[in-house]
Amino acid sequence: MWACGPTLKNLLFIGGIPFSEGQKSRCRIRAASDCRQVWPKSSRLADPTTLAHYLDLLEGAGMACGLPKYMGQVVRQRASSPKLQVYNNALLGCHWLAQGLGLAQAQARPEVWGRLVESAVGADLLARQLKHSIGQPQVFYWNKGQKEVDYILNAGGELWALEVKSGKAPGKLPGLEAFCKLYPEARPMIVGSGGMDLETWLMR
């Protein structure tokens, strides 16, 4: 299991805060209620206009935003499918808490813990790039087929490709390799296992 200190746990997951069983129950009920209000009818989810409107509302409320796919051209980026990113990782922690997963259970499930760690890095990027917005994005994602890069940062005249790893040290990273081949000016970076320590990244 990937280890982290108590301060880092609170950054990654709201379960690091000592909730009583009653508080956890109320959180699950509230989360379920909020989901029904935000997504009232599943049949409407396929409507791109409706989805874009929801993303605008979430970004305006400072809750989440849709990261565009990096394509090098603004026109094409706006036409891409967005990657949902929360501004505060506690929101994602609430999602798992509402399903009965506390911090220990989340750490024991690599797919859940990986999402929390990746989202924490994304939230940190947004917090440091205050000029990021739908109209002027600075944080992106990238994929091509089965190859993907978690986050692309295009700010200050530099292009960074960030891959977040929470498990064992990775071997080859085909997504990073493919992106840097397509954009030679990009600077690759691994955050977490096999790269910059996650706590160092978040506390820098």
Protein backbone atom coordinates (compact mmCIF):
# COMPACT_ATOMS: atom_id res chain seq x y z
CA MET A 1 0.00 0.00 0.00
CA TRP A 2 1.24 3.49 -0.80
CA ALA A 3 2.02 5.32 2.45
CA CYS A 4 1.42 8.98 3.24
CA GLY A 5 1.39 11.24 6.28
CA PRO A 6 -1.76 12.52 8.03
CA THR A 7 -1.56 15.98 6.45
CA LEU A 8 -1.30 14.50 2.98
CA LYS A 9 -4.19 12.13 3.73
CA ASN A 10 -6.43 15.11 4.47
CA LEU A 11 -5.39 16.71 1.18
CA LEU A 12 -6.21 13.55 -0.75
CA PHE A 13 -9.37 12.36 0.95
CA ILE A 14 -11.99 13.82 3.26
CA GLY A 15 -11.99 10.49 5.12
CA GLY A 16 -8.81 11.69 6.82
CA ILE A 17 -11.09 13.85 8.97
CA PRO A 18 -12.67 11.90 11.90
CA PHE A 19 -16.36 11.64 10.96
CA SER A 20 -18.87 9.96 13.24
CA GLU A 21 -21.14 7.26 11.79
CA GLY A 22 -24.05 9.71 11.92
CA GLN A 23 -22.10 12.31 9.94
CA LYS A 24 -21.10 9.70 7.37
CA SER A 25 -24.73 8.63 6.98
CA ARG A 26 -25.88 12.22 6.48
CA CYS A 27 -23.09 12.76 3.94
CA ARG A 28 -24.26 9.71 1.93
CA ILE A 29 -27.87 10.92 1.95
CA ARG A 30 -26.90 14.48 0.96
CA ALA A 31 -24.57 13.27 -1.80
CA ALA A 32 -27.31 11.06 -3.27
CA SER A 33 -29.79 13.95 -3.11
CA ASP A 34 -27.37 16.38 -4.77
CA CYS A 35 -26.69 13.93 -7.60
CA ARG A 36 -30.40 13.61 -8.31
CA GLN A 37 -30.72 17.42 -8.48
CA VAL A 38 -27.71 17.95 -10.73
CA TRP A 39 -28.48 14.97 -12.99
CA PRO A 40 -32.32 14.89 -12.91
CA LYS A 41 -32.91 12.63 -15.91
CA SER A 42 -30.42 10.16 -17.35
CA SER A 43 -31.98 10.55 -20.79
CA ARG A 44 -30.75 14.15 -20.88
CA LEU A 45 -27.10 13.30 -20.24
CA ALA A 46 -26.42 12.63 -23.92
CA ASP A 47 -27.31 16.23 -24.80
CA PRO A 48 -24.00 18.10 -25.26
CA THR A 49 -25.69 21.46 -24.67
CA THR A 50 -27.07 20.29 -21.33
CA LEU A 51 -23.70 18.87 -20.27
CA ALA A 52 -21.92 22.10 -21.23
CA HIS A 53 -24.46 24.07 -19.20
CA TYR A 54 -23.88 21.85 -16.14
CA LEU A 55 -20.11 22.30 -16.48
CA ASP A 56 -20.56 26.07 -16.65
CA LEU A 57 -22.62 25.96 -13.45
CA LEU A 58 -20.08 23.75 -11.66
CA GLU A 59 -17.18 26.00 -12.71
CA GLY A 60 -19.07 29.13 -11.72
CA ALA A 61 -19.69 27.62 -8.29
CA GLY A 62 -16.00 26.78 -7.92
CA MET A 63 -16.73 23.05 -7.67
CA ALA A 64 -15.45 21.46 -10.88
CA CYS A 65 -14.56 22.20 -14.48
CA GLY A 66 -14.06 20.38 -17.75
CA LEU A 67 -10.43 20.18 -18.86
CA PRO A 68 -10.12 20.34 -22.65
CA LYS A 69 -8.03 17.91 -24.65
CA TYR A 70 -4.73 19.45 -25.72
CA MET A 71 -4.53 19.64 -29.49
CA GLY A 72 -2.27 22.62 -30.04
CA GLN A 73 -5.09 24.54 -31.73
CA VAL A 74 -7.68 26.44 -29.69
CA VAL A 75 -10.52 25.79 -32.16
CA ARG A 76 -10.02 22.03 -32.02
CA GLN A 77 -9.61 22.05 -28.23
CA ARG A 78 -13.03 23.60 -27.75
CA ALA A 79 -14.56 20.83 -29.85
CA SER A 80 -13.04 18.05 -27.71
CA SER A 81 -14.76 16.06 -24.96
CA PRO A 82 -13.77 17.51 -21.56
CA LYS A 83 -12.23 15.67 -18.62
CA LEU A 84 -14.09 16.45 -15.37
CA GLN A 85 -11.78 17.86 -12.68
CA VAL A 86 -12.81 19.00 -9.19
CA TYR A 87 -11.30 22.12 -7.67
CA ASN A 88 -11.26 20.58 -4.18
CA ASN A 89 -10.45 16.88 -3.78
CA ALA A 90 -12.78 16.67 -0.78
CA LEU A 91 -15.64 16.57 -3.32
CA LEU A 92 -14.26 13.36 -4.80
CA GLY A 93 -13.68 12.04 -1.29
CA CYS A 94 -17.36 12.67 -0.52
CA HIS A 95 -18.29 10.67 -3.62
CA TRP A 96 -16.49 7.59 -2.32
CA LEU A 97 -17.60 8.22 1.27
CA ALA A 98 -21.20 8.24 0.08
CA GLN A 99 -20.58 4.74 -1.28
CA GLY A 100 -19.28 3.54 2.07
CA LEU A 101 -15.56 3.81 1.32
CA GLY A 102 -13.44 5.48 3.98
CA LEU A 103 -9.75 6.34 3.71
CA ALA A 104 -8.48 2.86 4.59
CA GLN A 105 -10.85 1.16 2.13
CA ALA A 106 -9.92 3.62 -0.61
CA GLN A 107 -6.20 2.98 -0.12
CA ALA A 108 -6.83 -0.77 -0.33
CA ARG A 109 -8.42 -0.39 -3.78
CA PRO A 110 -5.77 0.72 -6.32
CA GLU A 111 -8.30 1.96 -8.89
CA VAL A 112 -10.02 4.20 -6.30
CA TRP A 113 -6.80 5.43 -4.71
CA GLY A 114 -5.33 6.11 -8.14
CA ARG A 115 -8.26 8.35 -9.03
CA LEU A 116 -7.96 10.26 -5.76
CA VAL A 117 -4.23 10.82 -6.18
CA GLU A 118 -4.61 11.88 -9.83
CA SER A 119 -7.45 14.23 -8.94
CA ALA A 120 -5.41 15.77 -6.10
CA VAL A 121 -2.66 16.69 -8.55
CA GLY A 122 -5.21 18.13 -10.97
CA ALA A 123 -6.84 20.21 -8.23
CA ASP A 124 -3.40 21.49 -7.22
CA LEU A 125 -2.65 22.50 -10.81
CA LEU A 126 -5.89 24.46 -11.03
CA ALA A 127 -5.20 26.15 -7.70
CA ARG A 128 -1.82 27.36 -9.00
CA GLN A 129 -3.12 28.44 -12.42
CA LEU A 130 -5.60 31.11 -11.38
CA LYS A 131 -6.00 32.37 -14.96
CA HIS A 132 -7.38 29.00 -16.11
CA SER A 133 -10.94 29.18 -17.45
CA ILE A 134 -13.10 27.68 -20.17
CA GLY A 135 -12.26 30.64 -22.41
CA GLN A 136 -8.54 30.64 -21.58
CA PRO A 137 -7.55 27.11 -20.53
CA GLN A 138 -4.06 26.41 -19.18
CA VAL A 139 -4.56 22.89 -17.84
CA PHE A 140 -5.47 20.11 -20.28
CA TYR A 141 -5.41 16.35 -20.73
CA TRP A 142 -4.38 14.36 -23.80
CA ASN A 143 -5.13 10.99 -25.34
CA LYS A 144 -4.83 9.18 -28.63
CA GLY A 145 -6.28 5.70 -28.83
CA GLN A 146 -5.12 3.79 -25.74
CA LYS A 147 -2.34 6.29 -25.02
CA GLU A 148 -3.01 9.15 -22.63
CA VAL A 149 -1.38 11.77 -20.43
CA ASP A 150 -3.11 12.77 -17.21
CA TYR A 151 -2.40 16.51 -17.37
CA ILE A 152 -0.90 18.96 -19.84
CA LEU A 153 0.14 22.35 -18.48
CA ASN A 154 0.62 25.16 -20.98
CA ALA A 155 1.60 28.27 -19.04
CA GLY A 156 4.47 30.74 -18.79
CA GLY A 157 5.69 29.88 -22.27
CA GLU A 158 6.37 26.25 -21.29
CA LEU A 159 4.56 23.02 -22.13
CA TRP A 160 4.57 20.28 -19.48
CA ALA A 161 3.24 16.72 -19.74
CA LEU A 162 2.44 15.23 -16.32
CA GLU A 163 1.73 11.58 -15.58
CA VAL A 164 0.47 10.74 -12.07
CA LYS A 165 1.33 7.35 -10.55
CA SER A 166 0.18 6.05 -7.15
CA GLY A 167 1.17 2.37 -7.31
CA LYS A 168 4.44 0.67 -8.17
CA ALA A 169 7.10 2.55 -10.08
CA PRO A 170 6.05 2.52 -13.76
CA GLY A 171 8.04 0.97 -16.58
CA LYS A 172 7.41 2.45 -19.99
CA LEU A 173 4.96 5.32 -20.28
CA PRO A 174 3.64 5.15 -23.86
CA GLY A 175 1.36 8.16 -23.35
CA LEU A 176 4.20 10.47 -22.33
CA GLU A 177 6.43 9.11 -25.08
CA ALA A 178 3.77 9.60 -27.76
CA PHE A 179 2.90 13.12 -26.62
CA CYS A 180 6.52 14.26 -26.46
CA LYS A 181 7.12 12.80 -29.92
CA LEU A 182 4.15 14.77 -31.24
CA TYR A 183 5.15 17.91 -29.32
CA PRO A 184 8.98 17.85 -28.97
CA GLU A 185 8.96 21.09 -26.97
CA ALA A 186 7.02 19.40 -24.13
CA ARG A 187 8.81 18.61 -20.87
CA PRO A 188 7.68 15.26 -19.38
CA MET A 189 7.28 14.74 -15.64
CA ILE A 190 6.11 11.89 -13.41
CA VAL A 191 4.40 12.79 -10.15
CA GLY A 192 4.25 10.02 -7.55
CA SER A 193 5.77 6.56 -7.92
CA GLY A 194 8.93 6.67 -10.03
CA GLY A 195 9.08 10.47 -10.14
CA MET A 196 8.66 13.49 -7.89
CA ASP A 197 7.31 12.41 -4.51
CA LEU A 198 3.61 13.26 -4.24
CA GLU A 199 3.97 14.95 -0.87
CA THR A 200 6.83 17.07 -2.23
CA TRP A 201 4.65 18.06 -5.19
CA LEU A 202 1.65 19.06 -3.07
CA MET A 203 3.70 20.83 -0.39
CA ARG A 204 6.04 22.70 -2.74
